[in-house]
Amino acid sequence: MLLTTKKNRRKRDVAAAAKAHAPFVLKLCGAALLIVGVGFGGQLAWAWAQVSPQFVVKSVSVSGNARSADAELLKLAGLDVAQNLFQLDTAQLERALGTHPWVKTAKVSRHFPSGLAIAIVEHEPAAVVSLGELYLVDADGLPFKRLQAQDELDLPIVTGLDRDGYTERPLEAHDRIVAALAVLEQWKPAPAEVRTSVHGVTVVQTDGLEVRLGEGDLAAKLERLARVRRELQSRKLTADVIRLDNRMRPDWVTVQLSTSATK
């Protein structure tokens, strides 16, 4: 009798446990079926979206471009009507747009259901640098395109470099361009030319005055230059060359007076 009682009790315990857990198991199975259904439905929706005429590109807006024409950018990106928004590779489009010489960065965004937006940031030319040929450089001292007549820019020129030197010693050449741009940023009005060499920077003004600044301590040198100019003006004298590049005596200024008519 005792053995029979234990067996019945065990059967009743198993049955009770199964009955108690039945709702959870049913819910678990239902959730699994739902996940499978959602996944399958998502695949169907994705396949449909890629061919649906509802998501065909109907409008493309381009902003931020002043020197790069809309038509040029769209041609570079290979964009035309009848393309599906979901099938477009925006990263690849941005890389293609970045090959335009004026484009610094490009951002492509989808605007559902049928729009595409292109935001352009263009290079800002700071000067022209002579590297065998003339190139535009930005404020970071990086050449970004060859200067062309249609660019219609009036910018000072940085000389003293050549293509071979730039190719063989790019870091040194970049530092020299940056040093020239630092002078240009503080030189008003803009000079005709800034010569750069291993010895530093020389500024040639539009009136022909040559100011040899050399290297380093630009703020102090410009302050001394201003005092010299005031002194020359008070004496009604003109100079052909003003030198502030004495490395042994950095506080010295040498003036070569003009032999032409004075003011």
C-alpha atoms as a PDB file:
ATOM      1  CA  MET A   1       0.000   0.000   0.000  1.00  0.00           C
ATOM      2  CA  LEU A   2       2.770   2.444   0.754  1.00  0.00           C
ATOM      3  CA  LEU A   3       4.513   1.785  -2.584  1.00  0.00           C
ATOM      4  CA  THR A   4       1.296   2.263  -4.503  1.00  0.00           C
ATOM      5  CA  THR A   5       0.583   5.524  -2.713  1.00  0.00           C
ATOM      6  CA  LYS A   6       4.006   6.995  -3.598  1.00  0.00           C
ATOM      7  CA  LYS A   7       3.607   6.151  -7.278  1.00  0.00           C
ATOM      8  CA  ASN A   8       0.224   7.814  -7.501  1.00  0.00           C
ATOM      9  CA  ARG A   9       1.492  10.867  -5.684  1.00  0.00           C
ATOM     10  CA  ARG A  10       4.427  11.201  -8.129  1.00  0.00           C
ATOM     11  CA  LYS A  11       2.078  10.962 -11.078  1.00  0.00           C
ATOM     12  CA  ARG A  12      -0.146  13.603  -9.581  1.00  0.00           C
ATOM     13  CA  ASP A  13       2.895  15.911  -8.946  1.00  0.00           C
ATOM     14  CA  VAL A  14       4.090  15.610 -12.550  1.00  0.00           C
ATOM     15  CA  ALA A  15       0.650  16.240 -13.912  1.00  0.00           C
ATOM     16  CA  ALA A  16       0.215  19.254 -11.663  1.00  0.00           C
ATOM     17  CA  ALA A  17       3.586  20.679 -12.705  1.00  0.00           C
ATOM     18  CA  ALA A  18       2.784  20.176 -16.376  1.00  0.00           C
ATOM     19  CA  LYS A  19      -0.558  21.857 -15.904  1.00  0.00           C
ATOM     20  CA  ALA A  20       1.025  24.763 -14.031  1.00  0.00           C
ATOM     21  CA  HIS A  21       3.710  25.358 -16.693  1.00  0.00           C
ATOM     22  CA  ALA A  22       1.464  24.859 -19.682  1.00  0.00           C
ATOM     23  CA  PRO A  23       0.610  28.593 -20.098  1.00  0.00           C
ATOM     24  CA  PHE A  24       4.313  29.539 -20.026  1.00  0.00           C
ATOM     25  CA  VAL A  25       5.199  26.915 -22.632  1.00  0.00           C
ATOM     26  CA  LEU A  26       2.348  28.043 -24.839  1.00  0.00           C
ATOM     27  CA  LYS A  27       3.482  31.651 -24.521  1.00  0.00           C
ATOM     28  CA  LEU A  28       7.059  30.651 -25.348  1.00  0.00           C
ATOM     29  CA  CYS A  29       5.952  28.785 -28.441  1.00  0.00           C
ATOM     30  CA  GLY A  30       3.771  31.693 -29.433  1.00  0.00           C
ATOM     31  CA  ALA A  31       6.660  34.136 -29.039  1.00  0.00           C
ATOM     32  CA  ALA A  32       8.905  31.915 -31.150  1.00  0.00           C
ATOM     33  CA  LEU A  33       6.287  31.724 -33.867  1.00  0.00           C
ATOM     34  CA  LEU A  34       5.818  35.486 -33.672  1.00  0.00           C
ATOM     35  CA  ILE A  35       9.574  36.109 -34.046  1.00  0.00           C
ATOM     36  CA  VAL A  36       9.734  33.808 -37.039  1.00  0.00           C
ATOM     37  CA  GLY A  37       6.699  35.496 -38.510  1.00  0.00           C
ATOM     38  CA  VAL A  38       8.077  38.983 -37.950  1.00  0.00           C
ATOM     39  CA  GLY A  39      11.423  38.000 -39.449  1.00  0.00           C
ATOM     40  CA  PHE A  40       9.783  36.501 -42.493  1.00  0.00           C
ATOM     41  CA  GLY A  41       7.466  39.460 -42.788  1.00  0.00           C
ATOM     42  CA  GLY A  42      10.410  41.851 -42.460  1.00  0.00           C
ATOM     43  CA  GLN A  43      12.195  40.108 -45.301  1.00  0.00           C
ATOM     44  CA  LEU A  44       9.110  40.379 -47.453  1.00  0.00           C
ATOM     45  CA  ALA A  45       8.721  44.076 -46.556  1.00  0.00           C
ATOM     46  CA  TRP A  46      12.393  44.778 -47.351  1.00  0.00           C
ATOM     47  CA  ALA A  47      12.140  43.015 -50.710  1.00  0.00           C
ATOM     48  CA  TRP A  48       8.980  44.945 -51.519  1.00  0.00           C
ATOM     49  CA  ALA A  49      10.489  48.308 -50.481  1.00  0.00           C
ATOM     50  CA  GLN A  50      13.436  47.840 -52.846  1.00  0.00           C
ATOM     51  CA  VAL A  51      11.183  47.526 -55.886  1.00  0.00           C
ATOM     52  CA  SER A  52       8.229  49.636 -54.841  1.00  0.00           C
ATOM     53  CA  PRO A  53       7.629  52.752 -56.980  1.00  0.00           C
ATOM     54  CA  GLN A  54       6.696  54.540 -53.761  1.00  0.00           C
ATOM     55  CA  PHE A  55      10.402  54.793 -52.844  1.00  0.00           C
ATOM     56  CA  VAL A  56      11.763  55.844 -56.231  1.00  0.00           C
ATOM     57  CA  VAL A  57      13.921  59.003 -56.060  1.00  0.00           C
ATOM     58  CA  LYS A  58      11.867  61.925 -57.321  1.00  0.00           C
ATOM     59  CA  SER A  59      13.755  64.895 -55.866  1.00  0.00           C
ATOM     60  CA  VAL A  60      17.385  65.611 -55.004  1.00  0.00           C
ATOM     61  CA  SER A  61      18.347  68.737 -53.064  1.00  0.00           C
ATOM     62  CA  VAL A  62      21.935  70.013 -52.959  1.00  0.00           C
ATOM     63  CA  SER A  63      23.069  72.583 -50.381  1.00  0.00           C
ATOM     64  CA  GLY A  64      26.307  74.246 -49.329  1.00  0.00           C
ATOM     65  CA  ASN A  65      27.882  74.299 -52.793  1.00  0.00           C
ATOM     66  CA  ALA A  66      28.949  77.622 -54.296  1.00  0.00           C
ATOM     67  CA  ARG A  67      31.700  76.584 -56.725  1.00  0.00           C
ATOM     68  CA  SER A  68      30.673  73.013 -57.453  1.00  0.00           C
ATOM     69  CA  ALA A  69      27.631  72.952 -59.733  1.00  0.00           C
ATOM     70  CA  ASP A  70      24.623  70.759 -58.935  1.00  0.00           C
ATOM     71  CA  ALA A  71      24.850  69.056 -62.331  1.00  0.00           C
ATOM     72  CA  GLU A  72      28.528  68.219 -61.813  1.00  0.00           C
ATOM     73  CA  LEU A  73      27.842  66.709 -58.409  1.00  0.00           C
ATOM     74  CA  LEU A  74      24.883  64.652 -59.576  1.00  0.00           C
ATOM     75  CA  LYS A  75      26.921  63.341 -62.499  1.00  0.00           C
ATOM     76  CA  LEU A  76      29.783  62.350 -60.185  1.00  0.00           C
ATOM     77  CA  ALA A  77      27.382  60.549 -57.880  1.00  0.00           C
ATOM     78  CA  GLY A  78      25.675  58.822 -60.810  1.00  0.00           C
ATOM     79  CA  LEU A  79      22.270  59.953 -59.595  1.00  0.00           C
ATOM     80  CA  ASP A  80      19.215  60.026 -61.807  1.00  0.00           C
ATOM     81  CA  VAL A  81      15.503  59.404 -61.538  1.00  0.00           C
ATOM     82  CA  ALA A  82      14.025  55.930 -61.143  1.00  0.00           C
ATOM     83  CA  GLN A  83      16.567  54.889 -58.505  1.00  0.00           C
ATOM     84  CA  ASN A  84      15.254  53.279 -55.342  1.00  0.00           C
ATOM     85  CA  LEU A  85      16.102  54.995 -52.053  1.00  0.00           C
ATOM     86  CA  PHE A  86      16.723  51.703 -50.271  1.00  0.00           C
ATOM     87  CA  GLN A  87      19.142  50.508 -52.949  1.00  0.00           C
ATOM     88  CA  LEU A  88      21.339  53.618 -52.779  1.00  0.00           C
ATOM     89  CA  ASP A  89      24.689  53.234 -51.009  1.00  0.00           C
ATOM     90  CA  THR A  90      25.010  56.617 -49.288  1.00  0.00           C
ATOM     91  CA  ALA A  91      28.622  55.994 -48.194  1.00  0.00           C
ATOM     92  CA  GLN A  92      29.638  55.258 -51.770  1.00  0.00           C
ATOM     93  CA  LEU A  93      27.795  58.367 -52.965  1.00  0.00           C
ATOM     94  CA  GLU A  94      29.687  60.497 -50.429  1.00  0.00           C
ATOM     95  CA  ARG A  95      33.012  59.097 -51.612  1.00  0.00           C
ATOM     96  CA  ALA A  96      32.115  59.828 -55.226  1.00  0.00           C
ATOM     97  CA  LEU A  97      31.086  63.396 -54.402  1.00  0.00           C
ATOM     98  CA  GLY A  98      34.356  63.868 -52.518  1.00  0.00           C
ATOM     99  CA  THR A  99      36.307  63.432 -55.759  1.00  0.00           C
ATOM    100  CA  HIS A 100      35.137  66.861 -56.930  1.00  0.00           C
ATOM    101  CA  PRO A 101      38.090  69.226 -56.414  1.00  0.00           C
ATOM    102  CA  TRP A 102      36.011  71.831 -54.581  1.00  0.00           C
ATOM    103  CA  VAL A 103      34.287  69.356 -52.230  1.00  0.00           C
ATOM    104  CA  LYS A 104      35.838  68.992 -48.788  1.00  0.00           C
ATOM    105  CA  THR A 105      33.083  66.811 -47.298  1.00  0.00           C
ATOM    106  CA  ALA A 106      29.725  65.497 -48.503  1.00  0.00           C
ATOM    107  CA  LYS A 107      26.808  64.090 -46.513  1.00  0.00           C
ATOM    108  CA  VAL A 108      23.977  62.190 -48.234  1.00  0.00           C
ATOM    109  CA  SER A 109      20.667  61.663 -46.413  1.00  0.00           C
ATOM    110  CA  ARG A 110      17.502  59.833 -47.436  1.00  0.00           C
ATOM    111  CA  HIS A 111      14.193  61.630 -46.967  1.00  0.00           C
ATOM    112  CA  PHE A 112      11.365  59.160 -47.331  1.00  0.00           C
ATOM    113  CA  PRO A 113       9.398  58.401 -49.298  1.00  0.00           C
ATOM    114  CA  SER A 114      11.183  59.807 -52.382  1.00  0.00           C
ATOM    115  CA  GLY A 115      13.702  62.522 -51.520  1.00  0.00           C
ATOM    116  CA  LEU A 116      17.475  62.675 -51.275  1.00  0.00           C
ATOM    117  CA  ALA A 117      19.496  65.500 -49.678  1.00  0.00           C
ATOM    118  CA  ILE A 118      23.168  66.258 -50.359  1.00  0.00           C
ATOM    119  CA  ALA A 119      24.972  68.613 -47.961  1.00  0.00           C
ATOM    120  CA  ILE A 120      28.299  69.900 -49.274  1.00  0.00           C
ATOM    121  CA  VAL A 121      31.139  71.609 -47.421  1.00  0.00           C
ATOM    122  CA  GLU A 122      33.562  73.191 -49.875  1.00  0.00           C
ATOM    123  CA  HIS A 123      37.219  74.049 -49.516  1.00  0.00           C
ATOM    124  CA  GLU A 124      37.917  77.684 -48.673  1.00  0.00           C
ATOM    125  CA  PRO A 125      40.992  78.871 -50.612  1.00  0.00           C
ATOM    126  CA  ALA A 126      43.469  80.830 -48.510  1.00  0.00           C
ATOM    127  CA  ALA A 127      46.240  81.388 -51.047  1.00  0.00           C
ATOM    128  CA  VAL A 128      47.809  80.177 -54.272  1.00  0.00           C
ATOM    129  CA  VAL A 129      50.977  78.094 -53.972  1.00  0.00           C
ATOM    130  CA  SER A 130      53.483  77.618 -56.759  1.00  0.00           C
ATOM    131  CA  LEU A 131      54.501  73.957 -57.061  1.00  0.00           C
ATOM    132  CA  GLY A 132      55.730  74.042 -60.637  1.00  0.00           C
ATOM    133  CA  GLU A 133      52.091  74.811 -61.426  1.00  0.00           C
ATOM    134  CA  LEU A 134      49.729  76.970 -59.418  1.00  0.00           C
ATOM    135  CA  TYR A 135      47.490  75.298 -56.843  1.00  0.00           C
ATOM    136  CA  LEU A 136      44.893  76.536 -54.401  1.00  0.00           C
ATOM    137  CA  VAL A 137      45.576  75.775 -50.737  1.00  0.00           C
ATOM    138  CA  ASP A 138      43.106  75.892 -47.868  1.00  0.00           C
ATOM    139  CA  ALA A 139      43.640  77.371 -44.412  1.00  0.00           C
ATOM    140  CA  ASP A 140      45.259  74.105 -43.281  1.00  0.00           C
ATOM    141  CA  GLY A 141      47.962  74.505 -45.918  1.00  0.00           C
ATOM    142  CA  LEU A 142      46.736  71.621 -48.073  1.00  0.00           C
ATOM    143  CA  PRO A 143      46.648  72.012 -51.881  1.00  0.00           C
ATOM    144  CA  PHE A 144      43.256  70.845 -53.097  1.00  0.00           C
ATOM    145  CA  LYS A 145      43.035  71.819 -56.767  1.00  0.00           C
ATOM    146  CA  ARG A 146      44.957  73.317 -59.648  1.00  0.00           C
ATOM    147  CA  LEU A 147      44.221  76.997 -60.230  1.00  0.00           C
ATOM    148  CA  GLN A 148      42.223  77.638 -63.389  1.00  0.00           C
ATOM    149  CA  ALA A 149      41.243  80.844 -65.138  1.00  0.00           C
ATOM    150  CA  GLN A 150      37.548  80.252 -64.477  1.00  0.00           C
ATOM    151  CA  ASP A 151      38.179  80.199 -60.729  1.00  0.00           C
ATOM    152  CA  GLU A 152      38.338  84.013 -60.817  1.00  0.00           C
ATOM    153  CA  LEU A 153      40.192  84.396 -57.523  1.00  0.00           C
ATOM    154  CA  ASP A 154      42.378  87.249 -56.333  1.00  0.00           C
ATOM    155  CA  LEU A 155      44.700  85.647 -53.800  1.00  0.00           C
ATOM    156  CA  PRO A 156      48.310  86.179 -52.729  1.00  0.00           C
ATOM    157  CA  ILE A 157      50.830  83.688 -54.015  1.00  0.00           C
ATOM    158  CA  VAL A 158      53.214  81.567 -51.946  1.00  0.00           C
ATOM    159  CA  THR A 159      56.488  80.832 -53.748  1.00  0.00           C
ATOM    160  CA  GLY A 160      59.764  79.097 -52.974  1.00  0.00           C
ATOM    161  CA  LEU A 161      58.546  75.512 -53.332  1.00  0.00           C
ATOM    162  CA  ASP A 162      58.540  73.092 -56.240  1.00  0.00           C
ATOM    163  CA  ARG A 163      56.788  69.846 -57.072  1.00  0.00           C
ATOM    164  CA  ASP A 164      59.809  67.628 -56.359  1.00  0.00           C
ATOM    165  CA  GLY A 165      60.407  69.188 -52.966  1.00  0.00           C
ATOM    166  CA  TYR A 166      56.730  68.859 -52.052  1.00  0.00           C
ATOM    167  CA  THR A 167      56.665  65.217 -53.154  1.00  0.00           C
ATOM    168  CA  GLU A 168      59.947  64.211 -51.518  1.00  0.00           C
ATOM    169  CA  ARG A 169      59.560  66.201 -48.287  1.00  0.00           C
ATOM    170  CA  PRO A 170      55.815  66.745 -47.854  1.00  0.00           C
ATOM    171  CA  LEU A 171      55.908  67.480 -44.112  1.00  0.00           C
ATOM    172  CA  GLU A 172      58.604  70.136 -44.499  1.00  0.00           C
ATOM    173  CA  ALA A 173      56.788  71.694 -47.458  1.00  0.00           C
ATOM    174  CA  HIS A 174      53.518  71.701 -45.510  1.00  0.00           C
ATOM    175  CA  ASP A 175      55.153  73.427 -42.527  1.00  0.00           C
ATOM    176  CA  ARG A 176      56.541  76.119 -44.824  1.00  0.00           C
ATOM    177  CA  ILE A 177      53.127  76.712 -46.398  1.00  0.00           C
ATOM    178  CA  VAL A 178      51.514  76.923 -42.954  1.00  0.00           C
ATOM    179  CA  ALA A 179      54.142  79.465 -41.839  1.00  0.00           C
ATOM    180  CA  ALA A 180      53.406  81.573 -44.932  1.00  0.00           C
ATOM    181  CA  LEU A 181      49.655  81.406 -44.248  1.00  0.00           C
ATOM    182  CA  ALA A 182      50.206  82.518 -40.644  1.00  0.00           C
ATOM    183  CA  VAL A 183      51.874  85.668 -41.986  1.00  0.00           C
ATOM    184  CA  LEU A 184      49.135  86.238 -44.554  1.00  0.00           C
ATOM    185  CA  GLU A 185      46.484  86.001 -41.874  1.00  0.00           C
ATOM    186  CA  GLN A 186      47.939  89.032 -40.083  1.00  0.00           C
ATOM    187  CA  TRP A 187      49.190  91.022 -43.080  1.00  0.00           C
ATOM    188  CA  LYS A 188      46.765  93.726 -44.154  1.00  0.00           C
ATOM    189  CA  PRO A 189      46.325  94.561 -46.929  1.00  0.00           C
ATOM    190  CA  ALA A 190      47.264  91.261 -48.521  1.00  0.00           C
ATOM    191  CA  PRO A 191      50.753  91.329 -50.072  1.00  0.00           C
ATOM    192  CA  ALA A 192      51.576  90.426 -53.642  1.00  0.00           C
ATOM    193  CA  GLU A 193      53.770  87.461 -52.714  1.00  0.00           C
ATOM    194  CA  VAL A 194      55.046  85.452 -49.777  1.00  0.00           C
ATOM    195  CA  ARG A 195      58.351  83.696 -50.386  1.00  0.00           C
ATOM    196  CA  THR A 196      59.165  80.710 -48.254  1.00  0.00           C
ATOM    197  CA  SER A 197      62.525  79.030 -47.832  1.00  0.00           C
ATOM    198  CA  VAL A 198      64.473  76.967 -45.312  1.00  0.00           C
ATOM    199  CA  HIS A 199      65.447  80.322 -43.759  1.00  0.00           C
ATOM    200  CA  GLY A 200      61.883  81.476 -43.184  1.00  0.00           C
ATOM    201  CA  VAL A 201      59.366  83.822 -44.769  1.00  0.00           C
ATOM    202  CA  THR A 202      59.814  86.939 -46.882  1.00  0.00           C
ATOM    203  CA  VAL A 203      56.875  89.192 -47.746  1.00  0.00           C
ATOM    204  CA  VAL A 204      56.787  91.222 -50.948  1.00  0.00           C
ATOM    205  CA  GLN A 205      54.243  94.010 -50.812  1.00  0.00           C
ATOM    206  CA  THR A 206      52.344  95.359 -53.799  1.00  0.00           C
ATOM    207  CA  ASP A 207      54.483  98.532 -53.625  1.00  0.00           C
ATOM    208  CA  GLY A 208      57.655  96.435 -53.983  1.00  0.00           C
ATOM    209  CA  LEU A 209      58.801  96.606 -50.341  1.00  0.00           C
ATOM    210  CA  GLU A 210      60.509  93.375 -49.296  1.00  0.00           C
ATOM    211  CA  VAL A 211      60.164  92.385 -45.641  1.00  0.00           C
ATOM    212  CA  ARG A 212      62.347  89.475 -44.546  1.00  0.00           C
ATOM    213  CA  LEU A 213      60.769  87.975 -41.441  1.00  0.00           C
ATOM    214  CA  GLY A 214      62.786  84.792 -41.151  1.00  0.00           C
ATOM    215  CA  GLU A 215      61.484  82.172 -38.713  1.00  0.00           C
ATOM    216  CA  GLY A 216      59.541  82.306 -35.479  1.00  0.00           C
ATOM    217  CA  ASP A 217      58.377  85.021 -33.059  1.00  0.00           C
ATOM    218  CA  LEU A 218      56.017  86.486 -35.633  1.00  0.00           C
ATOM    219  CA  ALA A 219      54.054  88.715 -33.229  1.00  0.00           C
ATOM    220  CA  ALA A 220      57.186  90.445 -31.897  1.00  0.00           C
ATOM    221  CA  LYS A 221      58.572  90.923 -35.400  1.00  0.00           C
ATOM    222  CA  LEU A 222      55.360  92.467 -36.669  1.00  0.00           C
ATOM    223  CA  GLU A 223      55.372  94.842 -33.697  1.00  0.00           C
ATOM    224  CA  ARG A 224      58.953  95.938 -34.492  1.00  0.00           C
ATOM    225  CA  LEU A 225      58.032  96.282 -38.160  1.00  0.00           C
ATOM    226  CA  ALA A 226      55.155  98.611 -37.276  1.00  0.00           C
ATOM    227  CA  ARG A 227      57.524 100.845 -35.276  1.00  0.00           C
ATOM    228  CA  VAL A 228      60.012 100.955 -38.168  1.00  0.00           C
ATOM    229  CA  ARG A 229      57.301 101.898 -40.620  1.00  0.00           C
ATOM    230  CA  ARG A 230      56.099 104.717 -38.410  1.00  0.00           C
ATOM    231  CA  GLU A 231      59.668 105.998 -38.103  1.00  0.00           C
ATOM    232  CA  LEU A 232      60.208 105.856 -41.871  1.00  0.00           C
ATOM    233  CA  GLN A 233      56.952 107.699 -42.449  1.00  0.00           C
ATOM    234  CA  SER A 234      57.809 110.409 -39.939  1.00  0.00           C
ATOM    235  CA  ARG A 235      61.135 110.972 -41.736  1.00  0.00           C
ATOM    236  CA  LYS A 236      59.499 110.794 -45.177  1.00  0.00           C
ATOM    237  CA  LEU A 237      61.714 107.905 -46.174  1.00  0.00           C
ATOM    238  CA  THR A 238      60.943 104.776 -48.164  1.00  0.00           C
ATOM    239  CA  ALA A 239      62.619 101.410 -47.931  1.00  0.00           C
ATOM    240  CA  ASP A 240      63.334  98.706 -50.458  1.00  0.00           C
ATOM    241  CA  VAL A 241      64.146  96.021 -47.880  1.00  0.00           C
ATOM    242  CA  ILE A 242      63.415  95.653 -44.169  1.00  0.00           C
ATOM    243  CA  ARG A 243      65.160  92.756 -42.458  1.00  0.00           C
ATOM    244  CA  LEU A 244      63.973  91.208 -39.212  1.00  0.00           C
ATOM    245  CA  ASP A 245      65.613  87.824 -39.809  1.00  0.00           C
ATOM    246  CA  ASN A 246      68.839  88.185 -37.838  1.00  0.00           C
ATOM    247  CA  ARG A 247      69.141  84.912 -35.941  1.00  0.00           C
ATOM    248  CA  MET A 248      72.039  86.044 -33.764  1.00  0.00           C
ATOM    249  CA  ARG A 249      70.372  89.354 -32.899  1.00  0.00           C
ATOM    250  CA  PRO A 250      66.624  88.697 -33.241  1.00  0.00           C
ATOM    251  CA  ASP A 251      65.740  92.161 -31.893  1.00  0.00           C
ATOM    252  CA  TRP A 252      67.762  93.931 -34.585  1.00  0.00           C
ATOM    253  CA  VAL A 253      66.139  95.515 -37.634  1.00  0.00           C
ATOM    254  CA  THR A 254      68.075  96.423 -40.771  1.00  0.00           C
ATOM    255  CA  VAL A 255      66.598  98.835 -43.302  1.00  0.00           C
ATOM    256  CA  GLN A 256      67.779  99.279 -46.862  1.00  0.00           C
ATOM    257  CA  LEU A 257      66.508 102.659 -47.954  1.00  0.00           C
ATOM    258  CA  SER A 258      65.175 103.271 -51.418  1.00  0.00           C
ATOM    259  CA  THR A 259      67.388 105.268 -53.767  1.00  0.00           C
ATOM    260  CA  SER A 260      64.347 106.431 -55.720  1.00  0.00           C
ATOM    261  CA  ALA A 261      62.327 109.515 -54.928  1.00  0.00           C
ATOM    262  CA  THR A 262      61.255 109.905 -51.333  1.00  0.00           C
ATOM    263  CA  LYS A 263      57.770 110.773 -50.242  1.00  0.00           C
END
